[in-house]
Structures are given as structure tokens and as C-alpha cells.
Protein backbone atom coordinates (compact mmCIF):
# COMPACT_ATOMS: atom_id res chain seq x y z
CA MET A 1 19.59 -20.83 -38.73
CA LYS A 2 21.13 -18.29 -36.62
CA THR A 3 20.56 -14.38 -37.75
CA LEU A 4 23.81 -12.21 -37.60
CA ARG A 5 23.56 -9.88 -34.79
CA ARG A 6 23.91 -6.07 -36.44
CA ILE A 7 25.63 -3.66 -34.80
CA PRO A 8 24.79 0.00 -36.03
CA LEU A 9 28.97 0.36 -37.05
CA PHE A 10 29.05 3.99 -37.28
CA ALA A 11 28.07 4.38 -33.27
CA LEU A 12 31.02 2.22 -32.91
CA VAL A 13 33.33 3.93 -35.13
CA MET A 14 33.93 6.94 -32.96
CA ALA A 15 34.68 4.85 -29.78
CA ILE A 16 37.59 2.84 -31.91
CA LEU A 17 39.38 5.81 -33.71
CA VAL A 18 39.63 7.61 -29.79
CA SER A 19 40.66 4.44 -28.29
CA CYS A 20 43.61 2.64 -30.22
CA CYS A 21 47.00 4.32 -29.58
CA ALA A 22 49.78 5.44 -26.96
CA LEU A 23 48.80 6.62 -23.42
CA THR A 24 48.66 9.52 -21.05
CA ALA A 25 47.10 12.22 -19.47
CA PHE A 26 45.73 13.41 -16.17
CA ALA A 27 45.86 10.44 -14.50
CA ALA A 28 48.59 8.44 -12.32
CA PRO A 29 50.60 6.19 -14.70
CA ILE A 30 48.44 2.61 -15.84
CA THR A 31 49.46 -1.02 -15.75
CA ALA A 32 51.73 -1.98 -18.86
CA LEU A 33 49.59 -3.68 -21.03
CA PRO A 34 50.25 -6.94 -22.96
CA GLU A 35 52.90 -7.38 -26.13
CA GLY A 36 52.16 -9.01 -29.06
CA TYR A 37 49.41 -9.48 -31.59
CA GLY A 38 45.77 -11.16 -30.95
CA SER A 39 43.60 -12.47 -33.59
CA PHE A 40 39.94 -12.89 -34.78
CA SER A 41 38.40 -14.80 -36.90
CA GLY A 42 34.72 -15.23 -38.31
CA THR A 43 32.51 -14.45 -41.22
CA VAL A 44 32.01 -10.86 -42.80
CA ALA A 45 28.83 -9.76 -41.96
CA GLU A 46 28.97 -6.34 -42.27
CA VAL A 47 31.33 -3.55 -44.05
CA ALA A 48 30.93 0.57 -43.85
CA GLU A 49 32.99 2.79 -45.32
CA LEU A 50 34.11 5.61 -42.50
CA HIS A 51 35.13 8.24 -44.89
CA ASP A 52 35.22 9.56 -48.24
CA GLY A 53 38.57 8.92 -49.85
CA ASP A 54 40.65 8.30 -46.97
CA GLY A 55 40.93 4.26 -47.09
CA LEU A 56 38.91 4.21 -43.76
CA TYR A 57 36.64 1.34 -42.98
CA SER A 58 35.12 -0.86 -40.82
CA VAL A 59 34.49 -4.95 -40.75
CA GLN A 60 32.22 -6.36 -38.39
CA VAL A 61 32.77 -10.33 -37.98
CA GLU A 62 30.73 -12.97 -36.16
CA GLY A 63 32.66 -15.98 -35.07
CA ALA A 64 31.93 -19.48 -35.43
CA ASP A 65 30.41 -19.10 -31.43
CA GLY A 66 28.30 -16.72 -32.29
CA ASP A 67 30.76 -13.65 -31.06
CA ILE A 68 31.28 -10.43 -32.57
CA ALA A 69 33.94 -8.24 -33.33
CA VAL A 70 34.63 -5.05 -34.85
CA PHE A 71 37.93 -4.06 -37.05
CA VAL A 72 38.59 -1.15 -38.13
CA VAL A 73 40.84 -0.81 -41.61
CA THR A 74 43.22 1.69 -42.24
CA PRO A 75 46.18 3.17 -44.61
CA ASP A 76 48.38 1.29 -42.25
CA THR A 77 46.63 -1.78 -42.23
CA CYS A 78 48.24 -4.67 -43.97
CA ASP A 79 45.69 -6.41 -46.54
CA ILE A 80 47.62 -9.94 -47.04
CA THR A 81 45.74 -11.42 -49.66
CA GLY A 82 44.95 -7.63 -51.43
CA GLN A 83 41.10 -8.30 -51.20
CA LYS A 84 38.51 -5.58 -49.87
CA PRO A 85 36.02 -7.98 -47.37
CA ALA A 86 32.90 -8.32 -48.40
CA VAL A 87 29.58 -9.39 -46.52
CA GLY A 88 30.27 -13.47 -46.44
CA ASP A 89 33.28 -13.50 -46.97
CA SER A 90 36.14 -15.47 -44.06
CA PHE A 91 38.00 -13.16 -42.65
CA THR A 92 40.85 -13.32 -39.91
CA GLY A 93 42.12 -9.88 -38.42
CA TRP A 94 45.24 -9.07 -36.12
CA TYR A 95 45.45 -6.50 -33.28
CA ASP A 96 47.65 -4.90 -31.43
CA LEU A 97 47.84 -6.26 -27.85
CA SER A 98 49.41 -3.20 -26.43
CA LEU A 99 46.94 -0.11 -27.84
CA PRO A 100 43.99 0.29 -25.48
CA MET A 101 40.45 -0.26 -25.76
CA LEU A 102 37.23 0.47 -24.47
CA MET A 103 35.47 -2.52 -22.84
CA ILE A 104 32.41 -2.59 -24.53
CA TYR A 105 30.57 -5.24 -26.61
CA PRO A 106 31.35 -6.18 -29.15
CA PRO A 107 35.21 -5.35 -29.10
CA GLN A 108 36.44 -3.16 -31.44
CA TYR A 109 40.23 -3.15 -32.57
CA GLN A 110 42.24 -1.16 -35.02
CA ALA A 111 43.80 -3.55 -37.87
CA ALA A 112 47.32 -4.27 -38.09
CA ALA A 113 47.08 -7.05 -40.21
CA PHE A 114 43.97 -8.82 -41.93
CA GLN A 115 43.37 -11.81 -44.89
CA VAL A 116 40.38 -12.57 -46.70
CA ASN A 117 39.26 -15.94 -47.86
CA LEU A 118 43.03 -16.81 -47.54
CA ASP A 119 43.71 -20.90 -48.84
CA ALA A 120 44.06 -22.53 -46.05
CA LYS A 121 47.44 -24.15 -46.95
CA VAL A 122 49.14 -20.71 -46.35
CA ALA A 123 49.75 -20.24 -42.45
CA VAL A 124 50.21 -16.53 -41.13
CA LYS A 125 52.01 -15.58 -37.94
CA VAL A 126 52.03 -12.19 -37.06
CA ASP A 127 54.30 -11.14 -34.47
CA ARG A 128 57.46 -9.16 -33.87
CA PHE A 129 60.85 -11.34 -34.40
CA ASP A 130 64.10 -10.77 -32.24
CA ASP A 131 67.50 -10.31 -33.82
CA GLY A 132 67.66 -13.97 -34.62
CA LEU A 133 64.35 -13.64 -35.92
CA LEU A 134 62.68 -15.81 -33.42
CA ASN A 135 59.15 -14.79 -32.33
CA THR A 136 58.33 -13.37 -28.82
CA ASP A 137 56.82 -16.80 -27.48
CA GLY A 138 59.52 -18.96 -29.21
CA GLU A 139 57.13 -20.89 -31.43
CA LEU A 140 58.74 -19.81 -34.69
CA LYS A 141 62.18 -18.92 -36.49
CA LEU A 142 62.53 -17.56 -39.60
CA HIS A 143 65.34 -18.64 -42.18
CA VAL A 144 64.86 -15.92 -44.64
CA SER A 145 65.77 -17.52 -48.67
CA GLU A 146 66.56 -15.32 -51.84
CA ASN A 147 62.86 -16.34 -52.71
CA THR A 148 61.08 -15.11 -49.91
CA VAL A 149 59.33 -12.02 -50.94
CA ILE A 150 59.80 -9.13 -48.72
CA LEU A 151 57.20 -6.40 -48.66
CA GLN A 152 56.11 -3.14 -46.73
CA ALA A 153 52.62 -3.29 -45.27
CA ASN A 154 51.26 -1.20 -48.19
CA GLY A 155 52.42 -4.38 -50.47
CA ASP A 156 55.73 -2.07 -52.35
CA ALA A 157 58.86 -3.68 -51.92
CA PHE A 158 60.47 -3.33 -48.50
CA GLU A 159 64.05 -2.27 -49.55
CA GLY A 160 65.74 -2.68 -46.51
CA GLY A 161 66.20 -7.00 -47.09
CA ALA A 162 66.20 -9.45 -44.71
CA ASP A 163 69.08 -7.61 -42.78
CA ALA A 164 66.63 -5.16 -41.49
CA LEU A 165 64.11 -7.66 -40.15
CA ALA A 166 65.61 -7.95 -36.89
CA GLY A 167 63.44 -6.30 -33.55
CA ARG A 168 60.60 -5.92 -36.63
CA ALA A 169 56.45 -6.38 -36.26
CA LEU A 170 56.12 -8.96 -39.16
CA VAL A 171 53.44 -10.83 -41.23
CA VAL A 172 54.58 -14.01 -42.28
CA LEU A 173 53.37 -16.17 -44.93
CA TYR A 174 54.64 -20.39 -44.98
CA THR A 175 53.08 -23.48 -45.91
CA THR A 176 56.13 -25.76 -44.20
CA VAL A 177 57.05 -25.83 -40.37
CA THR A 178 59.94 -28.15 -39.03
CA GLN A 179 59.50 -30.20 -35.81
CA SER A 180 62.01 -29.20 -34.25
CA ILE A 181 62.51 -26.84 -30.86
CA PRO A 182 61.87 -24.07 -31.92
CA PRO A 183 59.99 -25.08 -35.06
CA GLN A 184 61.60 -23.13 -38.02
CA THR A 185 60.59 -21.94 -41.56
CA THR A 186 61.40 -20.83 -44.74
CA PRO A 187 58.64 -17.92 -45.59
CA GLU A 188 56.84 -17.52 -48.67
CA LYS A 189 55.95 -14.01 -47.99
CA ILE A 190 56.94 -11.39 -45.14
CA PHE A 191 55.22 -8.21 -44.86
CA VAL A 192 56.62 -5.57 -42.55
CA LEU A 193 54.05 -4.26 -40.65
CA TYR A 194 54.48 0.32 -40.42
CA GLU A 195 55.32 1.65 -37.45
CA ARG A 196 56.37 4.98 -36.51
CA ALA A 197 59.51 4.64 -34.54
CA VAL A 198 61.88 2.05 -35.53
CA PRO A 199 65.32 2.29 -33.90
CA VAL A 200 68.36 3.24 -35.95
CA PRO A 201 70.94 1.42 -36.87
CA GLU A 202 74.30 1.90 -35.26
CA ASP A 203 77.44 3.78 -36.34
CA ILE A 204 75.16 5.81 -39.01
CA GLU A 205 77.75 8.73 -39.89
CA PRO A 206 76.57 12.44 -39.65
CA VAL A 207 75.34 13.62 -42.92
CA THR A 208 77.43 17.18 -44.46
CA GLU A 209 73.82 18.69 -45.46
CA SER A 210 71.15 18.93 -42.29
CA VAL A 211 67.66 16.67 -43.89
CA MET A 212 66.34 17.27 -39.83
CA PRO A 213 65.13 20.18 -39.00
CA ILE A 214 66.19 21.51 -35.83
CA LEU A 215 63.68 23.94 -33.85
CA VAL A 216 64.58 26.15 -30.96
CA ASN A 217 61.61 27.76 -29.77
CA GLY A 218 59.53 26.98 -33.09
CA MET A 219 61.93 28.61 -35.18
CA ALA A 220 64.77 26.65 -37.39
CA ILE A 221 68.27 27.43 -36.91
CA ASP A 222 71.39 26.65 -39.12
CA ALA A 223 73.16 24.51 -37.57
CA PRO A 224 75.43 21.25 -38.25
CA ALA A 225 73.29 18.20 -39.06
CA PRO A 226 72.03 16.29 -36.51
CA TYR A 227 72.87 11.99 -36.72
CA TYR A 228 72.24 8.95 -34.71
CA LYS A 229 74.14 6.89 -32.86
CA GLY A 230 72.35 3.62 -32.30
CA SER A 231 69.16 4.89 -31.45
CA VAL A 232 69.86 8.27 -30.02
CA LEU A 233 69.70 11.32 -31.58
CA MET A 234 73.27 13.56 -31.62
CA VAL A 235 72.22 16.94 -32.19
CA PRO A 236 74.80 20.29 -32.24
CA LEU A 237 75.86 21.79 -29.27
CA ARG A 238 76.76 25.54 -29.81
CA ALA A 239 74.10 26.26 -32.11
CA VAL A 240 71.05 25.08 -30.07
CA ALA A 241 72.32 26.15 -26.78
CA GLU A 242 73.04 29.79 -28.36
CA ALA A 243 69.72 30.13 -29.85
CA LEU A 244 68.44 29.29 -26.46
CA GLY A 245 70.38 32.41 -25.18
CA TYR A 246 73.47 30.67 -23.76
CA ALA A 247 77.12 31.37 -23.42
CA VAL A 248 79.17 28.41 -24.64
CA LYS A 249 82.84 28.17 -23.86
CA TRP A 250 84.98 25.74 -25.23
CA GLU A 251 88.36 24.48 -23.02
CA ALA A 252 90.54 22.88 -25.37
CA GLU A 253 92.87 21.73 -22.84
CA THR A 254 90.07 19.53 -20.89
CA GLN A 255 87.99 19.06 -24.07
CA SER A 256 85.42 20.60 -21.97
CA VAL A 257 82.27 22.96 -22.71
CA TRP A 258 80.78 25.10 -20.15
CA LEU A 259 76.88 26.81 -20.92
CA ASN A 260 77.00 30.49 -18.38
CA ASN A 261 79.73 28.97 -16.35
CA ILE A 262 76.98 26.64 -15.08
CA ILE A 263 76.18 23.32 -17.21
CA SER A 264 79.51 21.54 -17.96
CA LEU A 265 80.52 18.00 -19.53
CA THR A 266 83.41 16.29 -21.27
CA ILE A 267 84.28 15.03 -25.09
CA GLY A 268 83.63 11.27 -24.44
CA LYS A 269 82.61 11.25 -20.64
CA ASP A 270 78.96 10.37 -20.03
CA TYR A 271 79.34 12.89 -17.09
CA TYR A 272 77.15 16.05 -17.01
CA THR A 273 76.94 18.49 -14.30
CA TYR A 274 74.44 21.24 -13.31
CA ALA A 275 76.24 23.84 -10.92
CA ARG A 276 76.46 21.43 -7.65
CA MET A 277 74.12 19.34 -8.49
CA ALA A 278 75.14 15.37 -8.95
CA PRO A 279 76.36 14.82 -11.87
CA ILE A 280 73.85 13.17 -14.60
CA GLN A 281 74.48 10.22 -17.08
CA LEU A 282 72.28 10.15 -20.21
CA GLY A 283 73.63 7.01 -21.79
CA THR A 284 75.96 8.56 -24.13
CA ALA A 285 78.75 10.81 -24.21
CA PRO A 286 79.66 14.03 -25.96
CA GLU A 287 81.21 13.78 -29.28
CA LEU A 288 83.20 15.86 -30.98
CA VAL A 289 82.48 15.68 -35.07
CA ASN A 290 84.16 17.83 -37.37
CA SER A 291 85.12 20.15 -34.58
CA THR A 292 81.57 20.48 -33.39
CA THR A 293 80.27 19.10 -29.78
CA PHE A 294 77.29 16.81 -30.24
CA VAL A 295 75.05 15.71 -27.68
CA PRO A 296 72.22 13.28 -26.96
CA LEU A 297 68.70 15.40 -27.47
CA SER A 298 68.08 14.23 -24.10
CA PHE A 299 70.61 16.74 -22.91
CA PHE A 300 68.33 19.51 -23.18
CA GLY A 301 65.80 18.25 -21.08
CA LYS A 302 67.20 16.33 -18.18
CA VAL A 303 70.61 18.81 -17.54
CA ALA A 304 69.99 21.98 -18.94
CA ARG A 305 66.14 21.76 -18.02
CA VAL A 306 64.21 23.81 -21.31
CA SER A 307 60.49 22.63 -20.99
CA ASP A 308 60.72 20.26 -23.92
CA ALA A 309 63.13 18.65 -26.66
CA ASN A 310 62.02 15.99 -28.50
CA CYS A 311 62.05 14.57 -32.57
CA TYR A 312 58.77 14.15 -34.04
CA GLU A 313 57.98 12.99 -37.73
CA GLY A 314 61.98 14.11 -38.43
CA ILE A 315 62.04 17.13 -36.64
CA ALA A 316 64.35 18.23 -33.85
CA ALA A 317 62.49 20.29 -31.55
CA ILE A 318 63.67 21.95 -28.69
CA SER A 319 61.46 24.39 -26.23
CA ASP A 320 61.74 26.45 -23.28
CA MET A 321 59.29 28.59 -22.95
CA ARG A 322 58.53 28.73 -18.97
CA ASP A 323 58.18 32.25 -19.55
CA VAL A 324 55.65 32.07 -22.37
CA ASP A 325 51.82 33.88 -20.83
CA ILE A 326 49.11 31.80 -21.87
CA LEU A 327 45.80 34.49 -22.19
CA VAL A 328 42.75 32.89 -22.78
CA ASN A 329 39.97 35.61 -23.27
CA GLY A 330 42.03 38.50 -22.60
CA GLU A 331 42.76 36.75 -18.91
CA LYS A 332 46.42 35.19 -18.17
CA ILE A 333 45.67 31.77 -16.65
CA GLU A 334 48.02 29.43 -14.62
CA ALA A 335 48.86 26.78 -16.53
CA HIS A 336 51.97 24.35 -17.56
CA ALA A 337 54.42 25.63 -20.30
CA PRO A 338 53.80 24.39 -23.62
CA TYR A 339 56.54 23.33 -25.82
CA PHE A 340 56.89 22.48 -29.92
CA LYS A 341 56.11 19.16 -31.40
CA GLY A 342 57.56 19.62 -34.54
CA TYR A 343 56.10 22.73 -35.97
CA GLU A 344 53.01 22.53 -34.08
CA LEU A 345 52.76 24.11 -30.35
CA MET A 346 51.49 21.68 -27.79
CA VAL A 347 49.44 23.69 -25.04
CA PRO A 348 48.31 22.04 -21.74
CA LEU A 349 44.30 20.90 -22.29
CA ARG A 350 42.79 20.84 -19.04
CA ALA A 351 43.63 24.16 -17.57
CA ILE A 352 42.85 26.59 -20.95
CA ALA A 353 39.47 24.27 -21.33
CA GLU A 354 38.27 25.10 -17.79
CA ALA A 355 39.42 28.66 -18.04
CA LEU A 356 36.68 28.57 -21.35
CA GLU A 357 33.84 27.01 -18.53
CA TYR A 358 34.00 23.49 -20.09
CA LYS A 359 33.84 20.32 -17.70
CA VAL A 360 36.66 18.40 -18.47
CA THR A 361 36.33 14.36 -17.42
CA TRP A 362 39.28 12.24 -17.82
CA GLU A 363 38.45 8.52 -18.61
CA THR A 364 41.47 6.51 -17.12
CA GLU A 365 40.16 3.22 -18.46
CA THR A 366 40.28 4.29 -22.39
CA GLN A 367 42.67 7.02 -21.69
CA SER A 368 39.99 9.42 -23.03
CA VAL A 369 39.40 13.07 -22.37
CA TRP A 370 35.72 14.73 -22.95
CA LEU A 371 35.07 18.17 -22.62
CA ASN A 372 31.54 19.42 -21.80
CA ASN A 373 30.61 15.12 -22.97
CA VAL A 374 30.68 16.76 -26.90
CA ILE A 375 34.12 17.08 -27.63
CA SER A 376 36.39 13.90 -27.18
CA LEU A 377 39.91 12.88 -27.90
CA THR A 378 42.29 10.21 -27.09
CA ILE A 379 45.65 9.90 -26.32
CA GLY A 380 48.04 8.95 -28.71
CA LYS A 381 45.47 9.22 -31.89
CA ASP A 382 44.93 11.65 -34.07
CA TYR A 383 41.38 11.75 -34.36
CA TYR A 384 39.23 14.74 -31.92
CA THR A 385 35.58 14.58 -32.43
CA LEU A 386 32.90 16.69 -31.93
CA GLY A 387 29.59 15.49 -30.92
CA ARG A 388 28.27 12.88 -34.03
CA MET A 389 30.53 14.64 -36.69
CA ALA A 390 33.00 12.53 -38.58
CA PRO A 391 36.28 12.74 -36.53
CA ILE A 392 38.73 15.71 -37.38
CA GLU A 393 42.76 15.06 -38.00
CA LEU A 394 44.81 17.99 -36.79
CA GLY A 395 48.54 16.09 -37.86
CA VAL A 396 49.70 15.71 -34.27
CA ALA A 397 48.08 13.14 -31.63
CA PRO A 398 47.54 14.47 -28.19
CA GLU A 399 50.00 13.15 -24.96
CA LEU A 400 50.86 13.15 -21.46
CA THR A 401 53.52 15.61 -20.50
CA ASP A 402 54.02 15.55 -16.59
CA GLY A 403 50.85 13.90 -16.16
CA LEU A 404 49.14 16.49 -18.07
CA THR A 405 46.94 16.25 -21.26
CA PHE A 406 48.73 18.57 -24.25
CA VAL A 407 46.93 19.52 -27.65
CA PRO A 408 48.24 21.08 -30.97
CA LEU A 409 47.11 24.83 -30.16
CA SER A 410 44.76 24.26 -33.39
CA PHE A 411 42.68 22.33 -31.67
CA PHE A 412 41.14 24.77 -29.73
CA ARG A 413 40.49 26.57 -33.41
CA GLU A 414 39.81 23.71 -35.75
CA VAL A 415 37.43 21.56 -32.94
CA ALA A 416 36.11 23.64 -30.15
CA GLY A 417 35.52 26.71 -32.43
CA MET A 418 37.29 29.61 -31.25
CA ASN A 419 37.78 32.27 -33.31
CA ASN A 420 41.43 32.97 -32.30
CA ALA A 421 44.27 30.80 -30.92
CA PHE A 422 47.52 31.34 -32.18
CA TYR A 423 51.28 31.52 -30.37
CA PHE A 424 53.12 35.29 -30.84
CA GLU A 425 56.33 36.93 -29.51
CA GLY A 426 55.44 34.91 -26.50
CA THR A 427 52.17 34.52 -26.01
CA VAL A 428 49.68 32.16 -26.52
CA GLU A 429 46.36 33.69 -26.84
CA ILE A 430 42.53 31.58 -27.34
CA ASN A 431 39.50 33.78 -27.81
CA ASN A 432 36.58 33.76 -29.55
CA ASP A 433 36.86 37.62 -30.65
CA GLU A 434 36.92 38.53 -34.27
CA PRO A 435 38.37 36.33 -36.32
CA MET A 436 42.73 37.91 -36.66
CA ALA A 437 42.89 39.06 -40.14
């Protein structure tokens, strides 16, 4: 009888937790990763809790041919059968092929979904389905009936209904399929996988009271509510521009707006000009709503040329911090401008870390950064590790901007252990002096 090969799961966990999300860093762009979902089936060899009370655990699985895979289950993972794995259980896990992974053995995946001891009569398809509810490889088309149960990944009811499934990543459970091309089925159950960013449906009306804060250089402003036009976030031009220090002038006759007599735009025309440069097209024209001009959020980055404009977790943040000084142990350093992502200030990692005398190492294959081979992080993943300690979550993942890795300012205090890491009146300061009162 073959003996299961046991791998120290805790040693593997640190690697997978820092290897599973979006891309970015000090290096050149990498080749596009495949789309869709892969799977691995076998028998559960070991289950290990990763952190107390946060729902993270790992599952080591041995396939029929002796191959081994490790899955990390998170609170976002879809538990198809509602049963936590135990040693000896039959297990299948699905993982997102577009996520980078460490090239080590055994392979380690972040579980998008899994099933334990599922009835053999029930088939499972995990994939993204288009507007016609056809999956990516054209092998299965869905016909959703009134008897189809539609749930969120966590098992709660999905309120969007069948009309909201188009374009989504789904876990589909079915028992019968036609012999047609493409094969078709009426599912018994559908789980809608968790996704951080899903395009907003067309023609959403602006709301009368803002439910999305707008931050300019980290400060909330009083402004009309932003709204989505398709998947494009439209924001009020005058309120944001004046908060950035622009003089805004409206020309009623031509339905045009000027900022500092340098930047101009016209209602209804996807034609934005900066000085005497060639006009810029953003794919969406400015609009007049309730006597207020709205422009795409990207206008501020691509036309007004602020250092950053983004929307993160329901917060629109516009930053123009090119004049902000970064001081490390009292010395000003040359570094890329920081920017806000939601309420969190993002700062350039390499410039600051090297000023603190860390050796910075970039690993292209895993999209990871190491400081002195002790502190590690991975682009797009909110897991920062220090030695063998449990990973630290800061609420914002590291990301790549203009070819540089940016981290939350709090990284230097919470992970690197600096006593002070703060932003105040146009200055970012990081030092190891006595903590601020």
C-alpha cells in the first residue's frame, strides 16, 4: 500500500498566500496568464488551520497517480458541498488559472471552489459564462429555470437573479446534458464566485445623495454623487478640479469647460485637450447632469495629469502629490510621488526601503519582493510576511504603478517595524525615532 507523502503545510502556506493575486513591480511587464479554471482531484491527506478564527486553512490532496497538490481555502472560497474536508475524504479543488503561482513542488493553489464527497451523479463546471451563458471553451450552455437555485459563493441567496449571471464566474451543478453542439443543461444549482471588480450594468442613474466618498489628496470633499456609465465611473468635474486648485470656467454658448485656460472639454464630445497637444480620447464623453459636468475618473490621470486617480472599495480617490516630500530618517529622498488608494496612502517601496538600508530583491516569476530575505510581499495580495510570523493584513495589497511597487505607508510601521510612518501637511516621514504621541 502506498504511503502518503506528507509535506509540512505551514512551510508551504507562506508561499501560496503571497503568490495568488494581481500583477506588478520593479520589472518589465510579464506575459499574459491563461484564463479559466483548472482543477485537481484526489484524497485528502492533511488539513491544517492557518490562523485562528479567520477561516483560512490548507488542504493537502493526493491524486490517484500519486501527485500532490495543496489548496488554501479562504473565506471567499466556494464550498460546494458545505462540508469541511477531513483526512480520507474525496476532494476536488478548482483554481483560477490567471493567478500567478510559485514554481515549486507540490503545486499550491488558492481554492476558488471545492467539493467534498460529492454525489457521483452530479457534474460540476467552474468557468466564466458569456452574455448567452456559454462557457469560455464553448462546451456548456446554461438554461436557467425557475427551479435553479442561485447562491453567492458563501451560500447566501444571490439577489441579482438569472439576468445578472452574464459575464460572471460561476460554479454550475447539473445532472443532465443534451447531446447537441454546444451541450446544454438546466442547472440544479449555481454559485456565483466572489470577484473584486464586476462591471456595472449600463444606464445606472445618478443618485441624489452620494454613497461613494470622493477623496482629493486624502481629504473627503463635498460633491455631487458620482455614477457609472457602463463600467466607467463618472465624477463631478468642478468639485474635484477646484479641490485640486484649478480655476474652472464654463462657456454656456459652446457647452465647454476650461481648467486654468489650459485644459478644455466639450459636453457630449470625447475630445479632451491639454494646451496645444493632440486631443485625447477617453472612450466616454463628458456629460451634463443636473447642471453639473461629469467626466470619466480617468480624465484626471490622463488629461489633467495628476499623479493618480482610482476607485477602490467604493471610494474614488484623486491624488496630485508630485510636490510631496518623502523623508527617511530626516533626509529627503528622490522617489516617485505617492498617491491615495481609498483612505490609504501608497508609497514607493524600493526607494524608501533602500534608504532604510534594506537589500531589495524582486522575483519576476512570482511577482514577489523580499527585503533582506526576511520580509516578503506579493503584488496584488494583502499578505505581508515577516520571518516565520503569521502574515499581516493591512487592508490594501501592494501594486505596480509606473513600473514600481507601491505599498501602504502603514507597511513600514506594521511590518518593517519603524516607530513612525506618517503623512502630514505635504510630507511623508518614515523614521525609527521615538513614536509620535
